[in-house]
Structure formats: C-alpha cells, structure tokens
Amino acid sequence: SAYKILLYRQHSAALKLERLNARIRYLPSMDNEEYPLAIHLTIDQRWNGTRQDMELVPRLLGLSTIELHHAQVDDDLIAQLESIYTLTGIRLKKCSITDTCIRHLSQFDSLNEVEILYCPVGPGCFASLAEFRRLSSLRLIGTDVAPSNADLLEQRLAATVDIRRGAF
C-alpha cells in the first residue's frame, strides 16, 4: 500500500541519517510494525554528513520535534521541512539561517514551540515573527532581535516569549 511505501522511505532515510551520526527517537513500536516511525531528530556537531545528506530530513514525515545544531542548516533546508505536517517544535542552534528562515517557519501550521539560539537572525524578521499562528513558546537567544520586542510579541502571539542578546 502507499502508506507502507511512505513508511519504508521514511525508515530508509532514518537509517542513513543515523549512519551519519544523527540521533533519532522512534515511536514505541507496535505489534507487527515493520518500519518504526521517527518522532524526534537531532543533528549536532557529531554530524558526519553533507548538506545534501540533510535533504533526507523532510522524508521523516512523523517527526514532532527537530533539533538542528549545525552550520550546514540553512534557509533552504528549513523551507523543505514544511512538508512535515506533524512538526510541533523546532530548535535551531548555531545554524546558517537568516531572517528568511523565520518567514518560512511562520508558514508551518503545526509549530507551537520555536527556539533559535546563536543564529544570525535580526530585526528584519520581526514582521514574520508576528505571523506565527499557533505558537505557545518562542525563544530567541544570541540573535540580533532586540529584547524590547518581547512584550509586543507576547501580546500579538499570545505566547511566552524570551528574547535575550547573550547567554541563557
């Protein structure tokens, strides 16, 4: 069936990502489950793959959370993640993203937690930040977004907002 093919493609992508030192947590397997569903992905400094290898990430259709801590992560990769309809949380740290990334993230209907740490996003992303639909938590640490914008964003988003220029 088509669903089984999707599960196979997802599982094959997960195995390749794991061989390249991505860490993946799976949904606890059910009886007769041939291909477990990935629900959490972490790519950090241990990653041994290329930027092209990261293009396997959007195949993990069951992901609920993603942590990407690598300079190879860019705006184009983030835009591709929109196909993961189950994604509720994303954490980006020391990535090569720009203000454009925030615009892409604001289009994700299912996101409710966003953390961006030590990435080169700045005041140009403020309008995109205000467009998030279901956000309950937003953390921007070590970015160029002014902490004075936190109160305004909290009102617009009805979310918990933590904006700091420096350390945690």
N, C-alpha and C. Protein backbone atom coordinates (compact mmCIF):
# COMPACT_ATOMS: atom_id res chain seq x y z
N SER A 1 0.84 -1.19 0.00
CA SER A 1 0.00 0.00 0.00
C SER A 1 0.88 1.25 0.00
N ALA A 2 0.27 2.39 -0.34
CA ALA A 2 1.01 3.65 -0.40
C ALA A 2 1.58 4.02 0.97
N TYR A 3 0.80 3.76 2.02
CA TYR A 3 1.27 4.08 3.37
C TYR A 3 2.52 3.27 3.73
N LYS A 4 2.53 2.02 3.34
CA LYS A 4 3.69 1.17 3.63
C LYS A 4 4.92 1.65 2.86
N ILE A 5 4.73 2.14 1.66
CA ILE A 5 5.84 2.69 0.87
C ILE A 5 6.39 3.94 1.56
N LEU A 6 5.50 4.81 2.04
CA LEU A 6 5.95 6.01 2.76
C LEU A 6 6.74 5.64 4.00
N LEU A 7 6.24 4.64 4.75
CA LEU A 7 6.95 4.19 5.96
C LEU A 7 8.32 3.62 5.61
N TYR A 8 8.40 2.87 4.51
CA TYR A 8 9.68 2.30 4.08
C TYR A 8 10.66 3.43 3.72
N ARG A 9 10.21 4.42 2.94
CA ARG A 9 11.08 5.54 2.54
C ARG A 9 11.55 6.31 3.77
N GLN A 10 10.64 6.52 4.73
CA GLN A 10 10.98 7.23 5.96
C GLN A 10 12.02 6.44 6.74
N HIS A 11 11.81 5.14 6.85
CA HIS A 11 12.73 4.30 7.62
C HIS A 11 14.11 4.24 6.95
N SER A 12 14.15 4.14 5.64
CA SER A 12 15.43 4.13 4.91
C SER A 12 16.18 5.44 5.12
N ALA A 13 15.46 6.56 5.06
CA ALA A 13 16.10 7.86 5.29
C ALA A 13 16.62 7.95 6.72
N ALA A 14 15.84 7.46 7.68
CA ALA A 14 16.26 7.50 9.09
C ALA A 14 17.53 6.68 9.30
N LEU A 15 17.58 5.50 8.70
CA LEU A 15 18.78 4.66 8.86
C LEU A 15 20.02 5.34 8.28
N LYS A 16 19.88 5.96 7.12
CA LYS A 16 21.03 6.64 6.52
C LYS A 16 21.46 7.83 7.40
N LEU A 17 20.49 8.60 7.91
CA LEU A 17 20.82 9.73 8.78
C LEU A 17 21.52 9.24 10.05
N GLU A 18 21.06 8.13 10.60
CA GLU A 18 21.71 7.58 11.81
C GLU A 18 23.14 7.14 11.52
N ARG A 19 23.39 6.59 10.34
CA ARG A 19 24.76 6.20 9.98
C ARG A 19 25.68 7.43 9.90
N LEU A 20 25.09 8.59 9.66
CA LEU A 20 25.86 9.84 9.58
C LEU A 20 25.86 10.58 10.92
N ASN A 21 25.49 9.90 11.99
CA ASN A 21 25.50 10.39 13.37
C ASN A 21 24.36 11.32 13.74
N ALA A 22 23.26 11.28 13.03
CA ALA A 22 22.06 11.95 13.50
C ALA A 22 21.46 11.05 14.58
N ARG A 23 20.85 11.65 15.57
CA ARG A 23 20.18 10.85 16.62
C ARG A 23 18.68 10.92 16.37
N ILE A 24 18.05 9.76 16.39
CA ILE A 24 16.62 9.68 16.11
C ILE A 24 15.94 8.86 17.20
N ARG A 25 14.82 9.39 17.70
CA ARG A 25 13.96 8.63 18.60
C ARG A 25 12.75 8.19 17.81
N TYR A 26 12.29 7.00 18.11
CA TYR A 26 11.17 6.43 17.38
C TYR A 26 9.95 6.30 18.28
N LEU A 27 8.79 6.29 17.66
CA LEU A 27 7.56 5.99 18.36
C LEU A 27 7.68 4.56 18.87
N PRO A 28 7.31 4.32 20.12
CA PRO A 28 7.39 2.93 20.60
C PRO A 28 6.67 2.00 19.63
N SER A 29 7.36 0.94 19.25
CA SER A 29 6.80 0.09 18.19
C SER A 29 5.60 -0.70 18.68
N MET A 30 4.70 -0.86 17.74
CA MET A 30 3.50 -1.65 18.00
C MET A 30 3.72 -3.04 17.43
N ASP A 31 2.89 -3.97 17.80
CA ASP A 31 3.00 -5.32 17.26
C ASP A 31 2.89 -5.28 15.75
N ASN A 32 3.70 -6.08 15.10
CA ASN A 32 3.72 -6.20 13.64
C ASN A 32 4.12 -4.91 12.93
N GLU A 33 4.74 -3.98 13.62
CA GLU A 33 5.20 -2.74 12.99
C GLU A 33 6.54 -3.01 12.33
N GLU A 34 6.53 -3.02 11.00
CA GLU A 34 7.74 -3.35 10.25
C GLU A 34 8.74 -2.20 10.22
N TYR A 35 8.22 -0.96 10.08
CA TYR A 35 9.07 0.22 9.98
C TYR A 35 8.67 1.21 11.06
N PRO A 36 9.49 1.39 12.10
CA PRO A 36 9.11 2.33 13.18
C PRO A 36 9.08 3.77 12.68
N LEU A 37 8.25 4.57 13.29
CA LEU A 37 8.06 5.95 12.90
C LEU A 37 8.97 6.86 13.73
N ALA A 38 9.80 7.66 13.06
CA ALA A 38 10.69 8.61 13.74
C ALA A 38 9.87 9.78 14.27
N ILE A 39 10.09 10.16 15.55
CA ILE A 39 9.34 11.28 16.12
C ILE A 39 10.24 12.44 16.56
N HIS A 40 11.54 12.20 16.74
CA HIS A 40 12.45 13.26 17.17
C HIS A 40 13.79 13.08 16.46
N LEU A 41 14.33 14.18 15.95
CA LEU A 41 15.61 14.15 15.24
C LEU A 41 16.53 15.20 15.83
N THR A 42 17.79 14.80 16.05
CA THR A 42 18.83 15.74 16.48
C THR A 42 20.02 15.60 15.53
N ILE A 43 20.42 16.71 14.95
CA ILE A 43 21.66 16.78 14.17
C ILE A 43 22.50 17.85 14.85
N ASP A 44 23.68 17.44 15.32
CA ASP A 44 24.54 18.37 16.02
C ASP A 44 25.97 18.26 15.51
N GLN A 45 26.95 18.64 16.33
CA GLN A 45 28.35 18.67 15.90
C GLN A 45 28.91 17.29 15.57
N ARG A 46 28.25 16.25 15.98
CA ARG A 46 28.71 14.89 15.65
C ARG A 46 28.37 14.49 14.22
N TRP A 47 27.55 15.29 13.56
CA TRP A 47 27.09 15.01 12.21
C TRP A 47 28.27 14.81 11.26
N ASN A 48 28.25 13.72 10.50
CA ASN A 48 29.34 13.41 9.55
C ASN A 48 28.90 13.55 8.10
N GLY A 49 27.68 13.98 7.88
CA GLY A 49 27.17 14.06 6.52
C GLY A 49 27.40 15.42 5.88
N THR A 50 26.87 15.55 4.69
CA THR A 50 26.97 16.79 3.93
C THR A 50 25.63 17.52 3.98
N ARG A 51 25.59 18.71 3.43
CA ARG A 51 24.34 19.45 3.34
C ARG A 51 23.34 18.68 2.48
N GLN A 52 23.84 18.01 1.44
CA GLN A 52 22.97 17.22 0.57
C GLN A 52 22.35 16.05 1.34
N ASP A 53 23.09 15.44 2.25
CA ASP A 53 22.54 14.36 3.07
C ASP A 53 21.40 14.85 3.94
N MET A 54 21.46 16.12 4.37
CA MET A 54 20.40 16.67 5.20
C MET A 54 19.06 16.75 4.46
N GLU A 55 19.10 16.66 3.16
CA GLU A 55 17.86 16.71 2.38
C GLU A 55 17.01 15.47 2.60
N LEU A 56 17.52 14.50 3.34
CA LEU A 56 16.71 13.33 3.72
C LEU A 56 15.76 13.66 4.87
N VAL A 57 16.03 14.71 5.60
CA VAL A 57 15.22 15.05 6.78
C VAL A 57 13.73 15.20 6.45
N PRO A 58 13.33 15.90 5.38
CA PRO A 58 11.91 16.04 5.09
C PRO A 58 11.19 14.70 4.82
N ARG A 59 11.92 13.64 4.60
CA ARG A 59 11.29 12.32 4.42
C ARG A 59 10.79 11.72 5.72
N LEU A 60 11.23 12.29 6.86
CA LEU A 60 10.81 11.78 8.16
C LEU A 60 9.46 12.42 8.51
N LEU A 61 8.42 11.92 7.89
CA LEU A 61 7.11 12.56 7.93
C LEU A 61 6.42 12.54 9.28
N GLY A 62 6.85 11.71 10.21
CA GLY A 62 6.19 11.62 11.50
C GLY A 62 6.86 12.43 12.60
N LEU A 63 7.87 13.20 12.26
CA LEU A 63 8.61 13.96 13.28
C LEU A 63 7.71 14.94 14.01
N SER A 64 7.86 14.98 15.33
CA SER A 64 7.16 16.02 16.08
C SER A 64 8.13 17.11 16.52
N THR A 65 9.39 16.77 16.76
CA THR A 65 10.38 17.77 17.15
C THR A 65 11.69 17.55 16.41
N ILE A 66 12.36 18.66 16.14
CA ILE A 66 13.65 18.63 15.45
C ILE A 66 14.60 19.57 16.19
N GLU A 67 15.83 19.10 16.39
CA GLU A 67 16.91 19.94 16.93
C GLU A 67 18.03 19.92 15.90
N LEU A 68 18.35 21.08 15.36
CA LEU A 68 19.40 21.20 14.37
C LEU A 68 20.45 22.16 14.90
N HIS A 69 21.65 21.65 15.15
CA HIS A 69 22.75 22.44 15.74
C HIS A 69 23.96 22.32 14.82
N HIS A 70 23.85 22.82 13.62
CA HIS A 70 24.96 22.64 12.69
C HIS A 70 24.97 23.77 11.67
N ALA A 71 26.16 24.20 11.29
CA ALA A 71 26.32 25.29 10.33
C ALA A 71 25.79 24.95 8.94
N GLN A 72 25.64 23.65 8.62
CA GLN A 72 25.11 23.26 7.30
C GLN A 72 23.61 23.53 7.17
N VAL A 73 22.94 23.76 8.27
CA VAL A 73 21.50 24.03 8.24
C VAL A 73 21.30 25.46 7.73
N ASP A 74 20.52 25.60 6.65
CA ASP A 74 20.30 26.91 6.05
C ASP A 74 18.82 27.14 5.77
N ASP A 75 18.52 28.29 5.22
CA ASP A 75 17.13 28.67 4.94
C ASP A 75 16.43 27.68 4.00
N ASP A 76 17.15 27.19 3.00
CA ASP A 76 16.54 26.26 2.05
C ASP A 76 16.12 24.96 2.71
N LEU A 77 16.94 24.44 3.60
CA LEU A 77 16.57 23.21 4.31
C LEU A 77 15.34 23.45 5.18
N ILE A 78 15.29 24.57 5.88
CA ILE A 78 14.15 24.88 6.74
C ILE A 78 12.87 24.97 5.90
N ALA A 79 12.95 25.57 4.73
CA ALA A 79 11.77 25.67 3.86
C ALA A 79 11.25 24.28 3.47
N GLN A 80 12.14 23.32 3.28
CA GLN A 80 11.74 21.96 2.91
C GLN A 80 11.01 21.24 4.04
N LEU A 81 11.22 21.66 5.27
CA LEU A 81 10.62 20.98 6.41
C LEU A 81 9.11 21.20 6.50
N GLU A 82 8.58 22.13 5.73
CA GLU A 82 7.14 22.42 5.78
C GLU A 82 6.31 21.20 5.40
N SER A 83 6.89 20.25 4.69
CA SER A 83 6.16 19.04 4.31
C SER A 83 5.92 18.11 5.50
N ILE A 84 6.57 18.36 6.63
CA ILE A 84 6.39 17.53 7.82
C ILE A 84 5.23 18.13 8.62
N TYR A 85 4.03 17.65 8.35
CA TYR A 85 2.81 18.22 8.93
C TYR A 85 2.67 17.98 10.43
N THR A 86 3.43 17.05 10.96
CA THR A 86 3.32 16.70 12.38
C THR A 86 4.30 17.49 13.25
N LEU A 87 5.10 18.34 12.67
CA LEU A 87 6.15 19.07 13.38
C LEU A 87 5.55 20.10 14.33
N THR A 88 5.80 19.94 15.63
CA THR A 88 5.28 20.88 16.62
C THR A 88 6.38 21.71 17.28
N GLY A 89 7.63 21.26 17.23
CA GLY A 89 8.71 22.00 17.86
C GLY A 89 9.98 21.97 17.05
N ILE A 90 10.69 23.09 17.02
CA ILE A 90 11.97 23.14 16.32
C ILE A 90 12.95 23.97 17.15
N ARG A 91 14.18 23.47 17.21
CA ARG A 91 15.26 24.16 17.92
C ARG A 91 16.43 24.28 16.96
N LEU A 92 16.84 25.51 16.68
CA LEU A 92 17.94 25.78 15.77
C LEU A 92 19.04 26.47 16.55
N LYS A 93 20.25 25.92 16.49
CA LYS A 93 21.37 26.48 17.24
C LYS A 93 22.60 26.54 16.35
N LYS A 94 23.19 27.73 16.29
CA LYS A 94 24.42 27.96 15.52
C LYS A 94 24.28 27.48 14.08
N CYS A 95 23.15 27.80 13.48
CA CYS A 95 22.88 27.42 12.09
C CYS A 95 23.15 28.61 11.18
N SER A 96 23.22 28.36 9.90
CA SER A 96 23.46 29.41 8.90
C SER A 96 22.15 29.95 8.36
N ILE A 97 21.22 30.24 9.24
CA ILE A 97 19.92 30.74 8.80
C ILE A 97 19.90 32.26 8.86
N THR A 98 18.95 32.85 8.15
CA THR A 98 18.79 34.30 8.14
C THR A 98 17.35 34.64 8.49
N ASP A 99 16.99 35.90 8.33
CA ASP A 99 15.63 36.34 8.59
C ASP A 99 14.61 35.59 7.72
N THR A 100 15.03 35.16 6.55
CA THR A 100 14.16 34.42 5.65
C THR A 100 13.67 33.12 6.30
N CYS A 101 14.49 32.52 7.12
CA CYS A 101 14.11 31.29 7.82
C CYS A 101 12.88 31.51 8.68
N ILE A 102 12.81 32.64 9.36
CA ILE A 102 11.67 32.94 10.22
C ILE A 102 10.39 33.03 9.38
N ARG A 103 10.49 33.61 8.22
CA ARG A 103 9.32 33.69 7.32
C ARG A 103 8.86 32.29 6.95
N HIS A 104 9.80 31.40 6.64
CA HIS A 104 9.44 30.01 6.32
C HIS A 104 8.77 29.34 7.52
N LEU A 105 9.35 29.48 8.70
CA LEU A 105 8.80 28.85 9.90
C LEU A 105 7.40 29.36 10.22
N SER A 106 7.13 30.62 9.96
CA SER A 106 5.81 31.18 10.27
C SER A 106 4.71 30.56 9.43
N GLN A 107 5.09 29.89 8.34
CA GLN A 107 4.10 29.24 7.47
C GLN A 107 3.74 27.83 7.93
N PHE A 108 4.48 27.28 8.89
CA PHE A 108 4.22 25.93 9.38
C PHE A 108 2.99 25.99 10.30
N ASP A 109 1.92 25.35 9.91
CA ASP A 109 0.67 25.42 10.67
C ASP A 109 0.75 24.74 12.03
N SER A 110 1.57 23.70 12.15
CA SER A 110 1.55 22.89 13.37
C SER A 110 2.56 23.33 14.44
N LEU A 111 3.46 24.25 14.13
CA LEU A 111 4.50 24.64 15.09
C LEU A 111 3.92 25.37 16.30
N ASN A 112 4.30 24.92 17.50
CA ASN A 112 3.90 25.67 18.69
C ASN A 112 5.08 26.02 19.58
N GLU A 113 6.27 25.48 19.32
CA GLU A 113 7.47 25.86 20.06
C GLU A 113 8.62 26.10 19.09
N VAL A 114 9.24 27.28 19.21
CA VAL A 114 10.37 27.64 18.35
C VAL A 114 11.48 28.19 19.23
N GLU A 115 12.69 27.65 19.06
CA GLU A 115 13.88 28.16 19.74
C GLU A 115 14.94 28.43 18.69
N ILE A 116 15.47 29.63 18.70
CA ILE A 116 16.56 29.99 17.79
C ILE A 116 17.68 30.55 18.65
N LEU A 117 18.80 29.84 18.66
CA LEU A 117 19.91 30.16 19.55
C LEU A 117 21.17 30.44 18.74
N TYR A 118 21.73 31.62 18.93
CA TYR A 118 23.03 31.99 18.35
C TYR A 118 23.05 31.81 16.84
N CYS A 119 22.01 32.29 16.19
CA CYS A 119 21.91 32.27 14.73
C CYS A 119 21.82 33.72 14.24
N PRO A 120 22.29 33.99 13.02
CA PRO A 120 22.33 35.37 12.52
C PRO A 120 20.98 35.89 12.03
N VAL A 121 19.95 35.85 12.88
CA VAL A 121 18.69 36.50 12.53
C VAL A 121 18.64 37.85 13.23
N GLY A 122 17.95 38.80 12.61
CA GLY A 122 17.97 40.15 13.15
C GLY A 122 16.61 40.81 13.11
N PRO A 123 16.61 42.13 13.21
CA PRO A 123 15.35 42.87 13.28
C PRO A 123 14.47 42.71 12.04
N GLY A 124 15.04 42.30 10.93
CA GLY A 124 14.26 42.10 9.71
C GLY A 124 13.25 40.97 9.81
N CYS A 125 13.36 40.14 10.84
CA CYS A 125 12.45 39.01 10.97
C CYS A 125 11.25 39.33 11.85
N PHE A 126 11.18 40.55 12.41
CA PHE A 126 10.13 40.88 13.37
C PHE A 126 8.73 40.72 12.77
N ALA A 127 8.51 41.20 11.55
CA ALA A 127 7.19 41.07 10.92
C ALA A 127 6.81 39.60 10.75
N SER A 128 7.78 38.76 10.39
CA SER A 128 7.50 37.33 10.23
C SER A 128 7.20 36.67 11.57
N LEU A 129 7.87 37.10 12.63
CA LEU A 129 7.61 36.53 13.95
C LEU A 129 6.15 36.77 14.37
N ALA A 130 5.62 37.91 14.02
CA ALA A 130 4.24 38.25 14.40
C ALA A 130 3.21 37.43 13.61
N GLU A 131 3.63 36.71 12.57
CA GLU A 131 2.70 35.94 11.73
C GLU A 131 2.48 34.51 12.20
N PHE A 132 3.20 34.06 13.22
CA PHE A 132 3.00 32.69 13.70
C PHE A 132 1.56 32.53 14.16
N ARG A 133 0.95 31.39 13.84
CA ARG A 133 -0.46 31.18 14.13
C ARG A 133 -0.72 30.52 15.48
N ARG A 134 0.00 29.47 15.81
CA ARG A 134 -0.30 28.66 16.99
C ARG A 134 0.82 28.60 18.00
N LEU A 135 1.72 29.52 17.94
CA LEU A 135 2.90 29.47 18.78
C LEU A 135 2.55 29.67 20.26
N SER A 136 3.08 28.78 21.10
CA SER A 136 2.89 28.93 22.54
C SER A 136 4.19 29.35 23.22
N SER A 137 5.33 29.12 22.56
CA SER A 137 6.62 29.45 23.16
C SER A 137 7.61 29.86 22.07
N LEU A 138 8.27 30.99 22.28
CA LEU A 138 9.28 31.49 21.36
C LEU A 138 10.49 31.92 22.16
N ARG A 139 11.66 31.37 21.81
CA ARG A 139 12.92 31.77 22.46
C ARG A 139 13.91 32.19 21.39
N LEU A 140 14.41 33.39 21.51
CA LEU A 140 15.45 33.90 20.63
C LEU A 140 16.60 34.34 21.53
N ILE A 141 17.69 33.60 21.50
CA ILE A 141 18.82 33.88 22.37
C ILE A 141 20.07 34.03 21.51
N GLY A 142 20.79 35.11 21.73
CA GLY A 142 22.02 35.35 20.98
C GLY A 142 21.77 35.75 19.54
N THR A 143 20.61 36.35 19.27
CA THR A 143 20.30 36.86 17.93
C THR A 143 20.38 38.39 17.97
N ASP A 144 20.11 39.03 16.85
CA ASP A 144 20.11 40.49 16.80
C ASP A 144 18.72 41.09 16.97
N VAL A 145 17.75 40.29 17.42
CA VAL A 145 16.42 40.81 17.70
C VAL A 145 16.45 41.45 19.09
N ALA A 146 15.98 42.66 19.18
CA ALA A 146 16.04 43.42 20.44
C ALA A 146 15.11 42.82 21.49
N PRO A 147 15.61 42.64 22.72
CA PRO A 147 14.78 42.14 23.81
C PRO A 147 13.55 43.01 24.08
N SER A 148 13.60 44.28 23.71
CA SER A 148 12.46 45.18 23.93
C SER A 148 11.24 44.76 23.11
N ASN A 149 11.42 43.91 22.11
CA ASN A 149 10.31 43.44 21.29
C ASN A 149 9.53 42.30 21.95
N ALA A 150 10.02 41.76 23.04
CA ALA A 150 9.39 40.59 23.66
C ALA A 150 7.96 40.87 24.10
N ASP A 151 7.72 42.01 24.76
CA ASP A 151 6.37 42.31 25.24
C ASP A 151 5.39 42.45 24.08
N LEU A 152 5.79 43.14 23.04
CA LEU A 152 4.93 43.32 21.88
C LEU A 152 4.60 41.97 21.22
N LEU A 153 5.60 41.11 21.09
CA LEU A 153 5.37 39.79 20.50
C LEU A 153 4.47 38.94 21.39
N GLU A 154 4.64 39.01 22.69
CA GLU A 154 3.78 38.24 23.60
C GLU A 154 2.32 38.63 23.40
N GLN A 155 2.05 39.91 23.22
CA GLN A 155 0.68 40.36 23.01
C GLN A 155 0.14 39.88 21.67
N ARG A 156 0.93 39.99 20.62
CA ARG A 156 0.47 39.59 19.29
C ARG A 156 0.29 38.08 19.15
N LEU A 157 1.17 37.33 19.78
CA LEU A 157 1.16 35.88 19.61
C LEU A 157 0.39 35.15 20.70
N ALA A 158 0.13 35.80 21.80
CA ALA A 158 -0.45 35.13 22.97
C ALA A 158 0.43 33.93 23.34
N ALA A 159 1.73 34.15 23.36
CA ALA A 159 2.71 33.10 23.63
C ALA A 159 3.73 33.60 24.64
N THR A 160 4.45 32.67 25.25
CA THR A 160 5.56 33.01 26.11
C THR A 160 6.75 33.35 25.22
N VAL A 161 7.30 34.53 25.40
CA VAL A 161 8.40 34.99 24.54
C VAL A 161 9.60 35.31 25.41
N ASP A 162 10.76 34.76 25.03
CA ASP A 162 12.02 35.01 25.74
C ASP A 162 13.04 35.45 24.69
N ILE A 163 13.40 36.72 24.75
CA ILE A 163 14.39 37.26 23.80
C ILE A 163 15.54 37.83 24.61
N ARG A 164 16.74 37.32 24.33
CA ARG A 164 17.96 37.81 25.00
C ARG A 164 19.07 37.93 23.98
N ARG A 165 19.91 38.89 24.18
CA ARG A 165 21.04 39.09 23.26
C ARG A 165 22.19 38.13 23.55
N GLY A 166 22.35 37.74 24.80
CA GLY A 166 23.52 36.96 25.16
C GLY A 166 23.19 35.59 25.68
N ALA A 167 23.82 35.25 26.77
CA ALA A 167 23.74 33.91 27.32
C ALA A 167 22.38 33.59 27.91
N PHE A 168 22.18 32.31 28.22
CA PHE A 168 20.90 31.85 28.79
C PHE A 168 20.64 32.52 30.11
